[in-house]
Each structure stands twice: as structure tokens, then as C-alpha cells.
Protein backbone atom coordinates (compact mmCIF):
# COMPACT_ATOMS: atom_id res chain seq x y z
CA MET A 1 -7.57 12.02 16.09
CA ASN A 2 -7.14 14.93 13.80
CA PRO A 3 -5.58 18.01 15.69
CA ALA A 4 -7.25 20.54 13.54
CA GLU A 5 -10.68 19.66 15.38
CA PRO A 6 -9.87 18.93 18.87
CA PRO A 7 -12.47 16.78 21.07
CA LEU A 8 -15.63 18.41 22.19
CA PRO A 9 -15.84 19.83 25.58
CA VAL A 10 -16.73 17.27 28.47
CA ALA A 11 -20.71 17.30 28.82
CA ALA A 12 -23.26 15.63 30.71
CA GLU A 13 -24.77 12.28 29.79
CA GLY A 14 -27.86 12.79 27.55
CA THR A 15 -26.47 15.57 25.52
CA LEU A 16 -25.53 15.89 21.86
CA PHE A 17 -21.55 16.34 22.79
CA PHE A 18 -21.63 13.41 24.98
CA GLU A 19 -23.20 10.98 22.61
CA ALA A 20 -20.97 12.31 19.77
CA GLU A 21 -17.87 11.39 21.70
CA ALA A 22 -19.30 8.16 22.72
CA PHE A 23 -19.96 7.29 18.99
CA ILE A 24 -16.27 8.48 17.96
CA ALA A 25 -15.00 6.12 20.65
CA PHE A 26 -17.14 3.29 19.49
CA VAL A 27 -16.23 3.49 15.84
CA THR A 28 -12.64 3.63 16.71
CA ALA A 29 -12.94 0.58 18.71
CA GLU A 30 -14.74 -1.44 16.12
CA ALA A 31 -12.48 -0.15 13.31
CA ALA A 32 -9.54 -1.70 15.22
CA THR A 33 -11.21 -5.33 15.05
CA GLY A 34 -12.32 -5.04 11.53
CA ARG A 35 -16.05 -5.59 12.17
CA TYR A 36 -16.94 -1.82 11.43
CA PRO A 37 -16.00 -1.44 7.90
CA TRP A 38 -17.43 2.41 7.94
CA ALA A 39 -15.02 4.18 10.17
CA PRO A 40 -12.56 6.33 8.55
CA LYS A 41 -10.46 8.50 10.80
CA LYS A 42 -11.86 11.91 9.42
CA TRP A 43 -15.39 10.87 10.76
CA GLY A 44 -14.53 12.32 14.17
CA THR A 45 -13.68 15.62 12.48
CA LYS A 46 -16.82 15.69 10.46
CA LEU A 47 -19.22 14.90 13.76
CA ARG A 48 -17.26 17.47 15.87
CA ILE A 49 -17.72 20.22 13.30
CA PHE A 50 -21.52 19.51 13.29
CA CYS A 51 -21.94 19.52 17.08
CA ARG A 52 -19.97 22.75 17.42
CA PHE A 53 -22.36 24.17 14.70
CA ALA A 54 -25.40 22.80 16.50
CA GLY A 55 -24.29 23.32 19.96
CA ASP A 56 -24.66 20.79 23.16
CA ILE A 57 -28.49 20.19 22.86
CA PRO A 58 -29.98 17.83 25.30
CA LEU A 59 -31.43 14.91 23.55
CA ALA A 60 -34.94 15.54 24.97
CA GLU A 61 -34.84 18.84 22.63
CA LEU A 62 -33.88 17.06 19.76
CA ARG A 63 -37.07 16.62 17.94
CA GLN A 64 -37.52 15.46 14.24
CA GLU A 65 -37.92 19.17 12.84
CA VAL A 66 -35.21 20.54 15.09
CA VAL A 67 -32.69 18.06 13.78
CA GLU A 68 -33.76 18.44 10.11
CA ARG A 69 -33.43 22.22 10.35
CA LEU A 70 -29.91 21.97 11.77
CA LEU A 71 -28.77 19.62 9.35
CA GLN A 72 -29.96 21.80 6.33
CA GLN A 73 -28.33 24.87 7.73
CA HIS A 74 -25.29 22.96 8.30
CA PHE A 75 -24.92 21.64 4.77
CA ASP A 76 -25.94 24.85 3.18
CA LYS A 77 -23.01 26.42 5.39
CA ARG A 78 -20.60 23.72 4.48
CA LYS A 79 -21.36 23.86 0.80
CA ALA A 80 -19.67 27.25 0.59
CA GLU A 81 -16.76 26.21 2.75
CA VAL A 82 -15.53 22.81 1.32
CA LYS A 83 -15.40 21.01 -1.99
CA ARG A 84 -18.18 18.69 -3.25
CA ALA A 85 -16.22 15.53 -2.32
CA CYS A 86 -15.77 16.74 1.36
CA LEU A 87 -19.81 16.90 1.64
CA GLY A 88 -20.17 13.26 0.84
CA ASP A 89 -17.93 12.26 3.88
CA ASP A 90 -20.13 14.85 6.04
CA ARG A 91 -23.25 12.95 4.86
CA ARG A 92 -22.00 9.57 5.52
CA ALA A 93 -20.60 10.48 9.01
CA LEU A 94 -24.02 12.08 10.16
CA ARG A 95 -25.85 9.17 8.57
CA GLN A 96 -24.22 6.54 10.52
CA PHE A 97 -24.25 8.80 13.63
CA LEU A 98 -27.97 9.55 13.78
CA GLU A 99 -28.68 5.91 13.01
CA TRP A 100 -26.71 4.89 15.96
CA LEU A 101 -28.28 7.61 18.09
CA ASN A 102 -31.63 6.72 17.23
CA ALA A 103 -31.23 2.89 17.56
CA LYS A 104 -29.89 3.69 21.40
CA HIS A 105 -32.57 6.06 22.26
CA GLN A 106 -35.43 5.90 19.81
CA LEU A 107 -35.72 9.55 19.07
CA TRP A 108 -37.25 9.69 15.50
CA ARG A 109 -39.58 7.77 13.68
CA SER A 110 -37.70 8.16 10.53
CA HIS A 111 -34.08 9.12 9.66
CA PRO A 112 -33.70 13.08 9.85
CA LEU A 113 -31.64 13.12 6.70
CA ARG A 114 -34.60 11.75 4.60
CA ASN A 115 -36.07 15.09 4.55
CA VAL A 116 -33.21 17.32 4.12
CA LYS A 117 -32.03 18.66 0.73
CA LEU A 118 -28.60 17.74 0.36
CA PRO A 119 -26.32 19.48 -2.17
CA SER A 120 -25.39 17.30 -5.12
CA THR A 121 -21.81 15.43 -4.62
CA ARG A 122 -21.65 14.31 -8.12
CA ARG A 123 -20.31 16.08 -11.07
CA ALA A 124 -21.88 15.88 -14.62
CA TRP A 125 -19.71 13.78 -16.65
CA ASN A 126 -19.68 16.19 -19.57
CA GLU A 127 -18.85 19.10 -17.36
CA GLY A 128 -16.05 21.01 -19.00
CA ILE A 129 -16.70 19.61 -22.45
CA ASP A 130 -17.77 22.48 -24.87
CA PRO A 131 -18.49 21.02 -28.49
CA LYS A 132 -17.49 23.40 -31.08
CA PHE A 133 -19.64 22.35 -34.00
CA PRO A 134 -23.29 21.05 -33.94
CA ASN A 135 -22.20 17.95 -35.74
CA SER A 136 -18.81 17.77 -34.02
CA LEU A 137 -17.16 14.63 -32.46
CA HIS A 138 -17.58 15.71 -28.91
CA ALA A 139 -21.22 16.44 -29.38
CA SER A 140 -21.67 13.10 -31.04
CA ILE A 141 -20.11 11.51 -27.98
CA ILE A 142 -22.39 13.31 -25.74
CA ALA A 143 -25.42 12.33 -27.59
CA TYR A 144 -24.16 8.52 -27.61
CA VAL A 145 -23.93 8.64 -23.88
CA GLU A 146 -27.42 10.19 -23.34
CA THR A 147 -29.02 7.64 -25.87
CA HIS A 148 -27.18 4.41 -25.33
CA ILE A 149 -25.32 4.44 -22.08
CA GLU A 150 -27.70 6.46 -19.76
CA SER A 151 -30.82 4.47 -21.05
CA ARG A 152 -29.18 1.12 -21.03
CA PHE A 153 -27.91 0.90 -17.62
CA SER A 154 -30.49 1.36 -14.96
CA VAL A 155 -29.76 3.53 -12.02
CA ARG A 156 -31.09 0.93 -9.67
CA ASN A 157 -28.60 -1.79 -10.88
CA VAL A 158 -25.31 -1.38 -8.92
CA ASP A 159 -23.31 -3.41 -11.60
CA GLY A 160 -24.91 -1.13 -14.41
CA LYS A 161 -24.01 1.95 -12.57
CA THR A 162 -20.43 0.67 -12.33
CA THR A 163 -20.33 -0.01 -15.88
CA ALA A 164 -21.90 3.38 -17.02
CA GLY A 165 -19.62 5.30 -14.78
CA GLY A 166 -16.58 3.38 -16.25
CA LEU A 167 -17.59 4.05 -19.75
CA THR A 168 -18.64 7.73 -19.23
CA SER A 169 -15.19 8.46 -17.46
CA ILE A 170 -13.24 6.97 -20.32
CA LEU A 171 -15.24 9.12 -22.95
CA ARG A 172 -14.95 12.13 -20.62
CA GLN A 173 -11.23 11.72 -20.66
CA PHE A 174 -11.06 11.43 -24.45
CA CYS A 175 -13.08 14.49 -24.92
CA LEU A 176 -10.98 16.65 -22.40
CA THR A 177 -7.55 15.60 -24.00
CA THR A 178 -8.52 15.47 -27.71
CA PRO A 179 -9.61 18.70 -29.83
CA ASP A 180 -12.81 18.74 -31.24
CA VAL A 181 -13.59 18.29 -35.08
CA ASP A 182 -16.24 18.27 -37.45
CA LEU A 183 -17.40 14.93 -38.51
CA ALA A 184 -18.18 16.11 -41.93
CA THR A 185 -14.15 17.02 -42.55
CA LEU A 186 -12.97 14.09 -40.36
CA SER A 187 -11.06 11.38 -42.39
CA GLN A 188 -10.43 7.88 -41.49
CA ARG A 189 -6.69 8.64 -41.24
CA ASP A 190 -7.27 11.67 -39.04
CA ALA A 191 -9.47 9.66 -36.77
CA ILE A 192 -6.83 6.97 -36.37
CA THR A 193 -4.32 9.82 -35.61
CA LEU A 194 -6.38 11.44 -32.77
CA ILE A 195 -7.02 7.64 -31.17
CA GLN A 196 -3.47 6.67 -31.50
CA ASN A 197 -2.45 10.17 -29.93
CA HIS A 198 -4.91 9.46 -26.94
CA MET A 199 -3.54 6.04 -26.63
CA ASN A 200 0.00 7.23 -26.31
CA ARG A 201 -1.29 9.81 -23.67
CA LEU A 202 -2.62 6.95 -21.60
CA LYS A 203 0.53 5.07 -22.04
CA ALA A 204 2.67 8.10 -20.87
CA LYS A 205 0.47 8.40 -17.63
CA GLY A 206 1.45 5.01 -16.80
CA LEU A 207 -1.76 3.16 -17.28
CA LYS A 208 -1.50 -0.62 -17.77
CA ALA A 209 -2.11 -2.29 -21.31
CA CYS A 210 -5.42 -3.77 -20.10
CA SER A 211 -6.80 -0.33 -18.92
CA ILE A 212 -5.60 1.08 -22.60
CA ASP A 213 -7.49 -1.52 -24.25
CA ASN A 214 -10.64 -0.81 -22.23
CA ALA A 215 -10.36 2.57 -23.52
CA ARG A 216 -10.03 1.47 -26.99
CA ARG A 217 -12.89 -0.81 -26.74
CA ALA A 218 -15.15 1.96 -25.43
CA LEU A 219 -14.10 4.30 -28.15
CA SER A 220 -14.77 1.55 -30.76
CA THR A 221 -18.37 1.23 -29.66
CA VAL A 222 -18.84 5.09 -30.14
CA PHE A 223 -17.09 4.90 -33.71
CA SER A 224 -19.07 1.79 -34.64
CA THR A 225 -22.43 3.50 -33.59
CA LEU A 226 -21.57 6.77 -35.65
CA ARG A 227 -20.93 4.43 -38.85
CA LYS A 228 -24.19 2.56 -38.41
CA GLU A 229 -26.18 6.19 -38.02
CA GLY A 230 -24.35 7.36 -41.37
CA LYS A 231 -22.55 10.13 -39.49
CA LEU A 232 -19.22 8.62 -40.64
CA THR A 233 -18.35 7.06 -44.02
CA PHE A 234 -15.33 5.03 -42.94
CA ASP A 235 -14.41 1.85 -44.50
CA ALA A 236 -13.67 0.45 -41.28
CA ASN A 237 -13.61 1.29 -37.56
CA PRO A 238 -10.59 3.42 -36.85
CA CYS A 239 -10.27 1.73 -33.27
CA GLU A 240 -9.42 -1.79 -34.66
CA ARG A 241 -6.07 -3.13 -33.43
CA ARG A 242 -4.76 -3.41 -36.88
CA HIS A 243 -4.74 0.52 -37.28
CA LEU A 244 -3.23 1.30 -33.89
CA THR A 245 0.00 0.59 -32.18
CA LEU A 246 -0.78 -0.54 -28.53
CA PRO A 247 1.40 -1.73 -25.73
CA ARG A 248 1.72 -5.38 -25.25
CA GLU A 249 0.39 -6.66 -22.03
CA ILE A 250 2.90 -8.70 -19.95
CA ARG A 251 1.42 -11.64 -18.59
CA ARG A 252 2.35 -11.88 -14.89
CA ILE A 253 0.67 -14.91 -13.22
CA LYS A 254 0.24 -14.26 -9.38
CA ALA A 255 1.51 -17.03 -7.16
CA PRO A 256 -1.34 -18.79 -4.77
CA ILE A 257 -1.28 -18.31 -0.98
CA ASN A 258 1.50 -20.71 0.54
CA ASP A 259 0.30 -23.35 2.99
CA ARG A 260 1.67 -21.55 6.21
CA ASP A 261 -0.26 -18.45 5.33
CA LEU A 262 -3.25 -20.28 4.24
CA LYS A 263 -3.70 -22.06 7.61
CA ARG A 264 -3.47 -18.84 9.52
CA LEU A 265 -6.07 -17.23 7.23
CA ILE A 266 -8.54 -20.16 7.77
CA ALA A 267 -8.08 -20.19 11.61
CA ALA A 268 -8.66 -16.48 11.72
CA ALA A 269 -11.63 -16.44 9.44
CA ARG A 270 -13.05 -19.12 11.15
CA GLU A 271 -13.98 -16.80 13.99
CA THR A 272 -15.98 -14.31 11.64
CA ASP A 273 -19.66 -14.27 10.55
CA TRP A 274 -18.33 -14.36 7.05
CA TYR A 275 -16.51 -17.61 7.20
CA PRO A 276 -18.98 -19.49 4.76
CA GLN A 277 -18.22 -17.04 2.09
CA PHE A 278 -14.66 -17.44 2.55
CA VAL A 279 -14.78 -21.16 2.51
CA LEU A 280 -16.77 -21.09 -0.74
CA CYS A 281 -14.15 -18.89 -2.51
CA LEU A 282 -11.34 -21.17 -1.22
CA ALA A 283 -12.92 -24.85 -1.71
CA CYS A 284 -15.40 -23.90 -4.47
CA GLY A 285 -13.45 -21.34 -6.49
CA LEU A 286 -16.29 -18.66 -6.29
CA ARG A 287 -15.88 -15.01 -7.22
CA ARG A 288 -16.53 -12.64 -4.20
CA ILE A 289 -19.77 -11.39 -5.54
CA GLU A 290 -20.86 -15.09 -6.37
CA ALA A 291 -20.19 -16.13 -2.81
CA CYS A 292 -22.17 -13.11 -1.67
CA ARG A 293 -25.24 -14.03 -3.76
CA VAL A 294 -25.36 -17.62 -2.31
CA GLN A 295 -28.53 -18.45 -0.55
CA PRO A 296 -29.09 -21.30 1.92
CA SER A 297 -31.47 -22.87 -0.77
CA ASP A 298 -28.41 -23.20 -3.10
CA ILE A 299 -26.50 -25.36 -0.93
CA ASP A 300 -27.47 -29.06 -0.85
CA LEU A 301 -25.26 -30.72 1.80
CA GLU A 302 -26.71 -34.20 1.32
CA ALA A 303 -26.14 -34.29 -2.44
CA ARG A 304 -22.85 -32.11 -1.82
CA THR A 305 -23.67 -29.76 -4.54
CA LEU A 306 -23.83 -25.75 -4.83
CA ARG A 307 -25.74 -23.79 -7.32
CA VAL A 308 -23.73 -20.71 -8.26
CA LEU A 309 -25.04 -17.76 -10.17
CA GLY A 310 -22.23 -16.82 -12.14
CA LYS A 311 -21.22 -13.86 -14.65
CA ASN A 312 -23.03 -15.31 -17.76
CA ARG A 313 -24.80 -18.47 -16.43
CA GLU A 314 -25.43 -21.03 -13.85
CA ARG A 315 -23.12 -23.77 -12.93
CA ILE A 316 -23.18 -26.64 -10.33
CA VAL A 317 -19.95 -27.05 -8.27
CA PRO A 318 -19.48 -30.22 -6.12
CA LEU A 319 -18.71 -29.97 -2.31
CA SER A 320 -15.90 -31.47 -0.68
CA ALA A 321 -16.11 -33.27 2.69
CA TRP A 322 -14.20 -30.53 4.26
CA VAL A 323 -16.69 -27.92 2.92
CA VAL A 324 -19.64 -29.84 4.27
CA ARG A 325 -18.01 -30.30 7.63
CA GLU A 326 -17.23 -26.43 7.69
CA LEU A 327 -20.79 -25.32 6.66
CA THR A 328 -22.38 -27.69 8.74
CA ASP A 329 -24.45 -25.79 11.55
CA ARG A 330 -23.13 -22.57 10.02
CA ILE A 331 -25.47 -19.54 9.54
CA ILE A 332 -24.90 -18.02 5.91
CA ALA A 333 -25.09 -14.38 6.81
CA GLN A 334 -25.78 -11.81 3.92
CA ILE A 335 -23.01 -9.40 3.10
CA HIS A 336 -22.26 -7.12 0.37
CA PHE A 337 -19.27 -7.99 -1.68
CA ASP A 338 -17.41 -4.77 -1.15
CA THR A 339 -17.70 -5.10 2.74
CA PHE A 340 -16.58 -8.91 2.25
CA ALA A 341 -13.35 -7.62 0.58
CA TYR A 342 -12.85 -4.82 3.24
CA ARG A 343 -13.13 -7.22 5.95
CA PHE A 344 -10.78 -9.74 4.45
CA SER A 345 -8.30 -6.98 3.74
CA THR A 346 -8.54 -5.89 7.32
CA LEU A 347 -7.95 -9.53 8.44
CA ARG A 348 -5.07 -9.78 6.22
CA LYS A 349 -3.61 -6.58 7.92
CA ASN A 350 -4.16 -7.89 11.35
CA LEU A 351 -2.17 -11.10 10.56
CA ASN A 352 0.58 -9.09 8.76
CA LEU A 353 0.50 -10.73 5.44
CA THR A 354 1.68 -9.29 2.17
CA LYS A 355 -0.82 -7.03 0.36
CA SER A 356 -0.71 -9.37 -2.78
CA ILE A 357 -3.21 -11.67 -0.81
CA THR A 358 -6.61 -10.89 -1.79
CA LEU A 359 -9.98 -12.89 -2.26
CA GLN A 360 -8.84 -13.48 -5.92
CA SER A 361 -6.01 -15.47 -4.39
CA LEU A 362 -8.34 -18.01 -3.00
CA ARG A 363 -9.37 -18.88 -6.56
CA ARG A 364 -5.81 -19.42 -7.43
CA ASN A 365 -5.37 -21.78 -4.69
CA PHE A 366 -8.52 -23.60 -5.75
CA LEU A 367 -7.37 -24.14 -9.47
CA LYS A 368 -3.83 -25.01 -8.30
CA LYS A 369 -5.14 -27.69 -5.97
CA LEU A 370 -6.96 -29.13 -8.91
CA LEU A 371 -4.36 -28.97 -11.46
CA ASP A 372 -1.83 -30.30 -9.05
CA ASN A 373 -4.14 -33.39 -8.61
CA ASP A 374 -4.00 -33.79 -12.53
CA VAL A 375 -7.70 -32.69 -12.96
CA PRO A 376 -8.01 -31.68 -16.69
CA VAL A 377 -7.64 -27.78 -17.24
CA GLN A 378 -10.93 -27.91 -18.82
CA LYS A 379 -12.86 -29.28 -16.20
CA ALA A 380 -11.06 -26.80 -13.77
CA ALA A 381 -11.95 -24.01 -15.82
CA ALA A 382 -15.55 -25.04 -15.98
CA LEU A 383 -15.91 -25.41 -12.37
CA ALA A 384 -14.27 -21.84 -11.75
CA GLY A 385 -16.68 -20.35 -14.31
CA ASN A 386 -13.93 -19.19 -16.59
CA SER A 387 -12.66 -20.05 -20.23
CA LEU A 388 -9.49 -21.30 -21.10
CA PRO A 389 -7.93 -18.01 -22.28
CA VAL A 390 -8.93 -16.36 -18.97
CA ILE A 391 -7.47 -19.37 -17.09
CA ALA A 392 -4.06 -19.04 -19.19
CA LYS A 393 -3.97 -15.32 -18.53
CA HIS A 394 -4.66 -14.70 -14.84
CA TYR A 395 -4.30 -18.04 -12.99
CA VAL A 396 -2.00 -20.78 -14.50
CA ASP A 397 0.67 -21.00 -17.23
CA LEU A 398 -0.53 -23.72 -19.51
CA GLU A 399 2.91 -24.45 -20.83
CA THR A 400 4.10 -25.59 -17.49
CA LEU A 401 1.41 -28.06 -16.67
CA ASN A 402 2.33 -31.51 -16.24
CA SER A 403 2.10 -33.53 -19.88
CA ARG A 404 2.21 -36.84 -18.41
CA GLY A 405 0.54 -39.40 -20.47
CA VAL A 406 0.20 -37.25 -23.53
CA VAL A 407 3.42 -38.66 -25.44
CA ASP A 408 1.81 -42.26 -24.72
CA VAL A 409 -1.39 -41.24 -26.32
CA LEU A 410 0.12 -39.87 -29.46
CA ASP A 411 1.21 -43.02 -30.74
CA PHE A 412 -0.06 -43.98 -34.18
CA SER A 413 2.04 -47.07 -34.77
CA ASP A 414 0.63 -50.54 -34.84
CA GLU A 415 2.07 -53.67 -33.20
CA GLU A 416 3.73 -55.00 -36.50
CA ASP A 417 5.77 -52.03 -36.99
CA ASP A 418 6.78 -51.89 -33.34
CA ASP A 419 7.96 -55.61 -33.47
CA LYS A 420 10.09 -54.89 -36.75
CA ILE A 421 11.68 -51.83 -35.01
CA LYS A 422 12.62 -53.99 -32.07
CA HIS A 423 13.56 -57.26 -34.15
CA PRO A 424 14.74 -56.09 -37.48
CA THR A 425 16.22 -59.59 -38.36
CA LYS A 426 12.54 -61.38 -38.36
């Protein structure tokens, strides 16, 4: 409970104050079990601020137009008091509270927030970027984002929104930390210097080698487009690796879950509604987004096969007898992959397991089980939907794999030569 916002006064049943405190108690109890992923501690503060602004109104007087008017006035008032990020927390807390209240008492036909004009909580990606010249580097990057990124990734596509947000964030950071220059006077050597200085700044901030390389690749697409459009006359892309000094990525392959912790996880996950997705990640090597995409029609228990919609292509994964036994008479409930990860982390915390155990650890156990039983690494990579470089980079050290049988196969001598070596006097 936040001491800055004490509980609401004790009110009679059927009033706004009473229902708000009941919802806060409900959310707090559900958060402890891990079954209610939208329960941050600050929600109690957000709801109490709104209730004190609206007053202790009986539910009978909370008509649709009254609630919409109160919400609009509340957000207009909060806009001048708090930062934009806090308004998003207010909106989420009130949305869940009103949905819970309407499901309990059937007060409105539609959600009151639907007709409320909320202040924007998103900042324009190019805010603070002021190009110095019409044909400058910053102006070209802004035009590239508007032409290629925003038109390429649909706002309805969740994965596209994430990709577009990551690219624009990288380009925004580059523009804010790099001086603007005119493309007409920009030489290839100067461009390499600008990019190298930006890479050094990212390294000084403590970014990992993979994050620095992601920034380099995002800038590479921009400079490649500028060269194709004729705005730059460079002989080569200044973002190529051969022009830059980049930190080398240290390969750290994380260990899979040990048998004791894995048994505890399986026993605890068996009591949840997302246990089928857990089983598919562990025994079929699925990613969390792939496990959440699985439909009942994708599973053939009789043929013991599973159809997986992977990143780039579809693949068929065989099902073991243990998977068939665990999925029999189980309902595959639909769940968002972020909610799946949140509930798994909550379960891990309740079991007091180390933070290094994630849903990705289940794929490591899957691959370790295959490779320990002499399954070829190419076959294991195909079942996991990965290439060999990815397997070697993130999951297993190929140099430590058992090479039993390789020496015997690489024998090019014939029987006569072997016989002469064994019996030289013959």
C-alpha cells in the first residue's frame, strides 16, 4: 500500500468507494497467486485518486454519461499534474476496474473509456530532432522512417509495431547524439568517423555487443537506401564491419535447468491453465510465441505429430509418449505470449528458483536431451527451428559434443594396407 495515498473512507456497500477498495483487495490477492498479471502495486493509488476526485457516488447514479464526464475531467486534470507515462498507468488501472465493476453489476452497455478522449501518452519519435539543412543527414533519416518504416510495418501487427519501435528508437538515439551534417559535403571517411563515434558511445554506456551490432545494422539500412537514391556517392556502405572497430561478442552459453528444479517446475506448472504450452516448450522445443499460437487442430495425438508455425516456415515436430499422456484430456487455453512469460516468472519466484531460469531455458533442456542421446546436431536444430550457427551461439558448444564414431568413419585405408601394417614380414 502506498503511504502517499491512504485507503478510502469506509463506505456502505453499493457505492464507488466500497467497490474500489473491494477491487484493490481482489487484485492484491490475485497478484500473490500469479493468476492476475495486471496487478502492479501502484494501481491502488491510481484508483483512490480517481475516487476522491469523483466522490462517493452510489452505483445507481453511475450512468454511462456521468462516468464518461468524470473520466474526461479526471484525465484533463491529471494531464497538468503528472508526466505522460503516469497517464498510461491511470488509464490501465481504470480500464480494468471499470471492466470488473461492469461484469459484477452490469451497469453499462459499453466501456465508459471508449468515448473518452484520452491525452496521448506516446512521444513522437523525432521529438527534439531539428535538422539544420534541407538535405541533411537528420532530415534524410526522418524521411526514411516516414517512407520505409512506418509504411512497411502495419500498426495492427504486434510484431511489426515492436520492430518499427526498435528501429526508430535506434535512429532517434543516433540523431540526438550525432551532429547534423549536409549530405552534399559528407565524405565517406567522415561518415565512418560519425558511426564509429556513435558505436563507441554505445559501448561506453555498457551496451552488449549484440545491441551495438543491431544499431549498426539499422544505420546500415539507412545509408544503403541513401546510396540507392543517389543522395550519397560513397564507394561502399560506411556501416560495413570492415570499416569499423566493434566489440567482439563473448559467447556465454547458459546452462539448462537441473533435474531437481525441473521436476519442481513440472509439478507446479501442472496445476495451471497454461500447462500445455509449458509442455510444448519443454518436450518439443517451441518458442513461447510458437507455443501460444498452437491450436487444437495442430496436434495429432494419434499420429504423434505437432504442426508448428515458426519464424520463417512451418515444421512438423514429433510428440513423445510423455507429451501425449500429459496433453490427453487437457484444454489448450489461448494465452498471450507476454502473459505466458509473466506467469512463468511468477511461478519461478514462488518456487524460489534462480532468475536465470526462463522459458528459453526449456528449449535448452530440449536440445540437451536430444544431444545427450546422440541425436545429430543437424536434426536437433531442425526440430528446434534453428540454424547451426544459432544453435552454436546460444544453446550448445559444438566443440564439446561427443565425437564418438567420427574417427572410425574417417578411415580411407584398404584391407591390404592394414594387413601389411599389422604383419610387415608377409
